[in-house]
């Protein structure tokens, strides 16, 4: 099941990395073993046997199948440069905010006689730090994609459709059918 907003938040933080994460399967496994303090924990995290982890660490196995390769990369990136990631998150949540570029279906409830039919729109909008903080906090607390989507919809409603609440008061925005979303720091 795709998680476009959550994945885009993760990619935004990864853009702050100052060094590339390990690339080979052996280097990635060694890194995970060091981070998780043992081959058993790595095996449980990745859903493979402890012996398989040991073979990758020794270099006996070199090319994991695609689904395992994706899980390994995800776990490595999740743990890579936590201080750099935290610094980037804090900066976005306190001073810089985020930029959201999306192609999605937007509809809204408005006064009678206005065009409120949902339609596909391409929107690129800077969001203030408070919304960056809400998104990152929700992501860390295990929010569902639906909840992240609602926070994004609220922020786009305020900043794009209501011009930072200077017009169109009470306009309720629906954000559905996300074709593409990219979040940048």
C-alpha atoms as a PDB file:
ATOM      1  CA  UNK A   1       0.000   0.000   0.000  1.00  0.00           C
ATOM      2  CA  UNK A   2       1.604   3.273  -1.080  1.00  0.00           C
ATOM      3  CA  UNK A   3       2.292   5.909   1.518  1.00  0.00           C
ATOM      4  CA  UNK A   4       2.981   8.995  -0.657  1.00  0.00           C
ATOM      5  CA  UNK A   5       3.017  11.725   2.003  1.00  0.00           C
ATOM      6  CA  UNK A   6       4.940   9.695   4.583  1.00  0.00           C
ATOM      7  CA  UNK A   7       7.477   8.538   2.002  1.00  0.00           C
ATOM      8  CA  UNK A   8       7.878  12.075   0.713  1.00  0.00           C
ATOM      9  CA  UNK A   9       8.573  13.331   4.256  1.00  0.00           C
ATOM     10  CA  UNK A  10      11.240  10.642   4.615  1.00  0.00           C
ATOM     11  CA  UNK A  11      12.816  11.603   1.261  1.00  0.00           C
ATOM     12  CA  UNK A  12      12.838  15.262   2.311  1.00  0.00           C
ATOM     13  CA  UNK A  13      14.852  14.406   5.424  1.00  0.00           C
ATOM     14  CA  UNK A  14      17.146  12.130   3.411  1.00  0.00           C
ATOM     15  CA  UNK A  15      17.995  15.087   1.177  1.00  0.00           C
ATOM     16  CA  UNK A  16      19.789  16.587   4.195  1.00  0.00           C
ATOM     17  CA  UNK A  17      22.261  13.666   4.459  1.00  0.00           C
ATOM     18  CA  UNK A  18      25.858  14.797   4.281  1.00  0.00           C
ATOM     19  CA  UNK A  19      27.195  11.359   3.291  1.00  0.00           C
ATOM     20  CA  UNK A  20      25.783   8.549   1.204  1.00  0.00           C
ATOM     21  CA  UNK A  21      24.475   5.541   3.129  1.00  0.00           C
ATOM     22  CA  UNK A  22      26.210   2.181   2.574  1.00  0.00           C
ATOM     23  CA  UNK A  23      25.541   0.846  -0.937  1.00  0.00           C
ATOM     24  CA  UNK A  24      26.521  -2.834  -1.039  1.00  0.00           C
ATOM     25  CA  UNK A  25      24.440  -5.498   0.670  1.00  0.00           C
ATOM     26  CA  UNK A  26      27.428  -6.489   2.806  1.00  0.00           C
ATOM     27  CA  UNK A  27      28.082  -2.918   3.989  1.00  0.00           C
ATOM     28  CA  UNK A  28      24.372  -2.373   4.665  1.00  0.00           C
ATOM     29  CA  UNK A  29      24.128  -5.567   6.720  1.00  0.00           C
ATOM     30  CA  UNK A  30      27.252  -4.692   8.711  1.00  0.00           C
ATOM     31  CA  UNK A  31      25.758  -1.273   9.429  1.00  0.00           C
ATOM     32  CA  UNK A  32      22.432  -2.766  10.549  1.00  0.00           C
ATOM     33  CA  UNK A  33      24.178  -5.353  12.755  1.00  0.00           C
ATOM     34  CA  UNK A  34      26.122  -2.556  14.429  1.00  0.00           C
ATOM     35  CA  UNK A  35      23.022  -0.356  14.852  1.00  0.00           C
ATOM     36  CA  UNK A  36      20.739  -3.125  16.119  1.00  0.00           C
ATOM     37  CA  UNK A  37      23.517  -4.762  18.162  1.00  0.00           C
ATOM     38  CA  UNK A  38      23.369  -8.246  16.722  1.00  0.00           C
ATOM     39  CA  UNK A  39      22.425 -10.479  13.834  1.00  0.00           C
ATOM     40  CA  UNK A  40      19.298 -11.827  15.546  1.00  0.00           C
ATOM     41  CA  UNK A  41      17.728  -8.346  15.809  1.00  0.00           C
ATOM     42  CA  UNK A  42      18.548  -7.639  12.139  1.00  0.00           C
ATOM     43  CA  UNK A  43      17.024 -10.959  11.101  1.00  0.00           C
ATOM     44  CA  UNK A  44      13.812 -10.204  13.005  1.00  0.00           C
ATOM     45  CA  UNK A  45      13.621  -6.678  11.592  1.00  0.00           C
ATOM     46  CA  UNK A  46      14.077  -7.857   7.998  1.00  0.00           C
ATOM     47  CA  UNK A  47      12.050 -11.061   8.332  1.00  0.00           C
ATOM     48  CA  UNK A  48      14.898 -13.395   7.331  1.00  0.00           C
ATOM     49  CA  UNK A  49      16.981 -16.001   9.131  1.00  0.00           C
ATOM     50  CA  UNK A  50      19.903 -15.116  11.357  1.00  0.00           C
ATOM     51  CA  UNK A  51      22.114 -17.346   9.207  1.00  0.00           C
ATOM     52  CA  UNK A  52      21.202 -15.350   6.090  1.00  0.00           C
ATOM     53  CA  UNK A  53      22.241 -12.142   7.842  1.00  0.00           C
ATOM     54  CA  UNK A  54      25.562 -13.748   8.795  1.00  0.00           C
ATOM     55  CA  UNK A  55      26.146 -14.798   5.170  1.00  0.00           C
ATOM     56  CA  UNK A  56      25.617 -11.227   3.951  1.00  0.00           C
ATOM     57  CA  UNK A  57      27.956  -9.881   6.648  1.00  0.00           C
ATOM     58  CA  UNK A  58      30.682 -12.363   5.584  1.00  0.00           C
ATOM     59  CA  UNK A  59      30.141 -11.532   1.917  1.00  0.00           C
ATOM     60  CA  UNK A  60      28.979 -15.061   1.009  1.00  0.00           C
ATOM     61  CA  UNK A  61      25.712 -13.630  -0.283  1.00  0.00           C
ATOM     62  CA  UNK A  62      25.917 -10.454  -2.355  1.00  0.00           C
ATOM     63  CA  UNK A  63      22.678  -9.779  -4.249  1.00  0.00           C
ATOM     64  CA  UNK A  64      19.456  -9.856  -2.242  1.00  0.00           C
ATOM     65  CA  UNK A  65      16.170 -10.326  -4.071  1.00  0.00           C
ATOM     66  CA  UNK A  66      14.319  -7.094  -4.841  1.00  0.00           C
ATOM     67  CA  UNK A  67      11.884  -7.102  -1.890  1.00  0.00           C
ATOM     68  CA  UNK A  68      14.682  -7.836   0.597  1.00  0.00           C
ATOM     69  CA  UNK A  69      16.910  -5.187  -1.009  1.00  0.00           C
ATOM     70  CA  UNK A  70      14.126  -2.623  -0.550  1.00  0.00           C
ATOM     71  CA  UNK A  71      13.632  -3.583   3.117  1.00  0.00           C
ATOM     72  CA  UNK A  72      17.391  -3.386   3.779  1.00  0.00           C
ATOM     73  CA  UNK A  73      17.669   0.049   2.149  1.00  0.00           C
ATOM     74  CA  UNK A  74      14.633   1.345   4.042  1.00  0.00           C
ATOM     75  CA  UNK A  75      16.017   0.150   7.410  1.00  0.00           C
ATOM     76  CA  UNK A  76      19.473   1.615   6.689  1.00  0.00           C
ATOM     77  CA  UNK A  77      18.054   4.991   5.630  1.00  0.00           C
ATOM     78  CA  UNK A  78      15.770   5.049   8.662  1.00  0.00           C
ATOM     79  CA  UNK A  79      18.835   4.867  10.935  1.00  0.00           C
ATOM     80  CA  UNK A  80      21.380   6.779   8.819  1.00  0.00           C
ATOM     81  CA  UNK A  81      22.682  10.080  10.233  1.00  0.00           C
ATOM     82  CA  UNK A  82      20.049  10.582  12.941  1.00  0.00           C
ATOM     83  CA  UNK A  83      21.584  13.870  14.114  1.00  0.00           C
ATOM     84  CA  UNK A  84      21.579  15.349  10.599  1.00  0.00           C
ATOM     85  CA  UNK A  85      17.974  14.188  10.152  1.00  0.00           C
ATOM     86  CA  UNK A  86      16.952  15.702  13.523  1.00  0.00           C
ATOM     87  CA  UNK A  87      18.671  18.996  12.722  1.00  0.00           C
ATOM     88  CA  UNK A  88      16.904  19.237   9.338  1.00  0.00           C
ATOM     89  CA  UNK A  89      13.555  18.393  10.944  1.00  0.00           C
ATOM     90  CA  UNK A  90      14.040  21.003  13.663  1.00  0.00           C
ATOM     91  CA  UNK A  91      15.011  23.673  11.143  1.00  0.00           C
ATOM     92  CA  UNK A  92      11.915  22.944   9.023  1.00  0.00           C
ATOM     93  CA  UNK A  93       9.674  22.886  12.099  1.00  0.00           C
ATOM     94  CA  UNK A  94      10.978  26.116  13.619  1.00  0.00           C
ATOM     95  CA  UNK A  95      12.165  28.478  10.879  1.00  0.00           C
ATOM     96  CA  UNK A  96      12.067  27.244   7.268  1.00  0.00           C
ATOM     97  CA  UNK A  97       8.873  25.254   6.829  1.00  0.00           C
ATOM     98  CA  UNK A  98       8.307  22.978   3.831  1.00  0.00           C
ATOM     99  CA  UNK A  99       7.449  23.249   0.152  1.00  0.00           C
ATOM    100  CA  UNK A 100       4.730  20.882  -1.062  1.00  0.00           C
ATOM    101  CA  UNK A 101       4.363  20.168  -4.782  1.00  0.00           C
ATOM    102  CA  UNK A 102       1.374  18.014  -5.590  1.00  0.00           C
ATOM    103  CA  UNK A 103      -0.960  16.911  -8.317  1.00  0.00           C
ATOM    104  CA  UNK A 104      -4.196  15.812  -6.708  1.00  0.00           C
ATOM    105  CA  UNK A 105      -7.943  16.204  -6.809  1.00  0.00           C
ATOM    106  CA  UNK A 106      -9.094  19.217  -4.828  1.00  0.00           C
ATOM    107  CA  UNK A 107     -12.702  20.000  -4.079  1.00  0.00           C
ATOM    108  CA  UNK A 108     -14.131  22.332  -1.524  1.00  0.00           C
ATOM    109  CA  UNK A 109     -17.302  23.411   0.153  1.00  0.00           C
ATOM    110  CA  UNK A 110     -18.069  27.063  -0.383  1.00  0.00           C
ATOM    111  CA  UNK A 111     -20.944  29.514  -0.668  1.00  0.00           C
ATOM    112  CA  UNK A 112     -23.842  28.527  -2.966  1.00  0.00           C
ATOM    113  CA  UNK A 113     -23.327  29.492  -6.585  1.00  0.00           C
ATOM    114  CA  UNK A 114     -19.554  29.027  -6.584  1.00  0.00           C
ATOM    115  CA  UNK A 115     -17.635  26.352  -8.464  1.00  0.00           C
ATOM    116  CA  UNK A 116     -16.939  23.679  -5.902  1.00  0.00           C
ATOM    117  CA  UNK A 117     -16.554  20.681  -8.210  1.00  0.00           C
ATOM    118  CA  UNK A 118     -13.502  18.645  -7.403  1.00  0.00           C
ATOM    119  CA  UNK A 119     -10.824  18.755 -10.088  1.00  0.00           C
ATOM    120  CA  UNK A 120      -7.211  17.823 -10.569  1.00  0.00           C
ATOM    121  CA  UNK A 121      -4.864  20.684  -9.734  1.00  0.00           C
ATOM    122  CA  UNK A 122      -1.108  21.121  -9.760  1.00  0.00           C
ATOM    123  CA  UNK A 123      -0.122  23.084  -6.676  1.00  0.00           C
ATOM    124  CA  UNK A 124       3.272  24.108  -5.326  1.00  0.00           C
ATOM    125  CA  UNK A 125       2.971  25.877  -1.995  1.00  0.00           C
ATOM    126  CA  UNK A 126       5.335  26.870   0.800  1.00  0.00           C
ATOM    127  CA  UNK A 127       4.008  25.830   4.192  1.00  0.00           C
ATOM    128  CA  UNK A 128       4.924  27.586   7.430  1.00  0.00           C
ATOM    129  CA  UNK A 129       6.974  25.811  10.134  1.00  0.00           C
ATOM    130  CA  UNK A 130       3.910  24.968  12.236  1.00  0.00           C
ATOM    131  CA  UNK A 131       2.632  22.603   9.513  1.00  0.00           C
ATOM    132  CA  UNK A 132       6.074  21.074   9.048  1.00  0.00           C
ATOM    133  CA  UNK A 133       6.131  20.386  12.784  1.00  0.00           C
ATOM    134  CA  UNK A 134       2.629  18.852  12.684  1.00  0.00           C
ATOM    135  CA  UNK A 135       3.537  16.583   9.758  1.00  0.00           C
ATOM    136  CA  UNK A 136       6.842  15.380  11.216  1.00  0.00           C
ATOM    137  CA  UNK A 137       5.358  14.872  14.685  1.00  0.00           C
ATOM    138  CA  UNK A 138       2.420  12.918  13.295  1.00  0.00           C
ATOM    139  CA  UNK A 139       4.778  10.788  11.167  1.00  0.00           C
ATOM    140  CA  UNK A 140       6.968   9.975  14.188  1.00  0.00           C
ATOM    141  CA  UNK A 141       3.916   9.043  16.258  1.00  0.00           C
ATOM    142  CA  UNK A 142       2.812   6.533  13.630  1.00  0.00           C
ATOM    143  CA  UNK A 143       0.013   8.515  11.999  1.00  0.00           C
ATOM    144  CA  UNK A 144      -1.794   6.858   9.118  1.00  0.00           C
ATOM    145  CA  UNK A 145      -1.509   8.157   5.570  1.00  0.00           C
ATOM    146  CA  UNK A 146      -5.106   9.408   5.942  1.00  0.00           C
ATOM    147  CA  UNK A 147      -4.106  11.544   8.948  1.00  0.00           C
ATOM    148  CA  UNK A 148      -1.043  12.927   7.141  1.00  0.00           C
ATOM    149  CA  UNK A 149      -3.246  13.684   4.157  1.00  0.00           C
ATOM    150  CA  UNK A 150      -5.680  15.601   6.397  1.00  0.00           C
ATOM    151  CA  UNK A 151      -2.875  17.717   7.878  1.00  0.00           C
ATOM    152  CA  UNK A 152      -1.613  18.440   4.348  1.00  0.00           C
ATOM    153  CA  UNK A 153      -5.151  19.313   3.188  1.00  0.00           C
ATOM    154  CA  UNK A 154      -5.634  21.689   6.136  1.00  0.00           C
ATOM    155  CA  UNK A 155      -2.316  23.395   5.462  1.00  0.00           C
ATOM    156  CA  UNK A 156      -2.977  23.771   1.726  1.00  0.00           C
ATOM    157  CA  UNK A 157      -6.492  25.026   2.461  1.00  0.00           C
ATOM    158  CA  UNK A 158      -5.111  27.721   4.730  1.00  0.00           C
ATOM    159  CA  UNK A 159      -2.092  28.788   2.692  1.00  0.00           C
ATOM    160  CA  UNK A 160      -3.222  28.283  -0.915  1.00  0.00           C
ATOM    161  CA  UNK A 161      -6.998  28.515  -1.033  1.00  0.00           C
ATOM    162  CA  UNK A 162      -7.542  30.977   1.835  1.00  0.00           C
ATOM    163  CA  UNK A 163      -4.269  32.928   1.374  1.00  0.00           C
ATOM    164  CA  UNK A 164      -3.157  32.459   4.980  1.00  0.00           C
ATOM    165  CA  UNK A 165      -6.739  32.993   6.178  1.00  0.00           C
ATOM    166  CA  UNK A 166      -6.959  36.474   4.618  1.00  0.00           C
ATOM    167  CA  UNK A 167      -9.874  35.471   2.326  1.00  0.00           C
ATOM    168  CA  UNK A 168     -12.456  32.727   1.735  1.00  0.00           C
ATOM    169  CA  UNK A 169     -13.084  32.181   5.444  1.00  0.00           C
ATOM    170  CA  UNK A 170     -14.806  28.897   6.229  1.00  0.00           C
ATOM    171  CA  UNK A 171     -13.726  27.245   2.982  1.00  0.00           C
ATOM    172  CA  UNK A 172     -13.394  23.484   3.568  1.00  0.00           C
ATOM    173  CA  UNK A 173     -10.975  21.742   1.205  1.00  0.00           C
ATOM    174  CA  UNK A 174     -10.996  18.069   0.232  1.00  0.00           C
ATOM    175  CA  UNK A 175      -7.682  16.571  -0.886  1.00  0.00           C
ATOM    176  CA  UNK A 176      -8.065  13.195  -2.643  1.00  0.00           C
ATOM    177  CA  UNK A 177      -6.694  11.072  -5.491  1.00  0.00           C
ATOM    178  CA  UNK A 178      -3.085  12.114  -4.928  1.00  0.00           C
ATOM    179  CA  UNK A 179      -1.281  11.406  -8.215  1.00  0.00           C
ATOM    180  CA  UNK A 180       2.013  12.898  -7.117  1.00  0.00           C
ATOM    181  CA  UNK A 181       3.364  14.636  -4.040  1.00  0.00           C
ATOM    182  CA  UNK A 182       6.860  15.872  -3.325  1.00  0.00           C
ATOM    183  CA  UNK A 183       7.849  17.554  -0.081  1.00  0.00           C
ATOM    184  CA  UNK A 184      11.085  19.505   0.138  1.00  0.00           C
ATOM    185  CA  UNK A 185      12.877  21.186   3.010  1.00  0.00           C
END
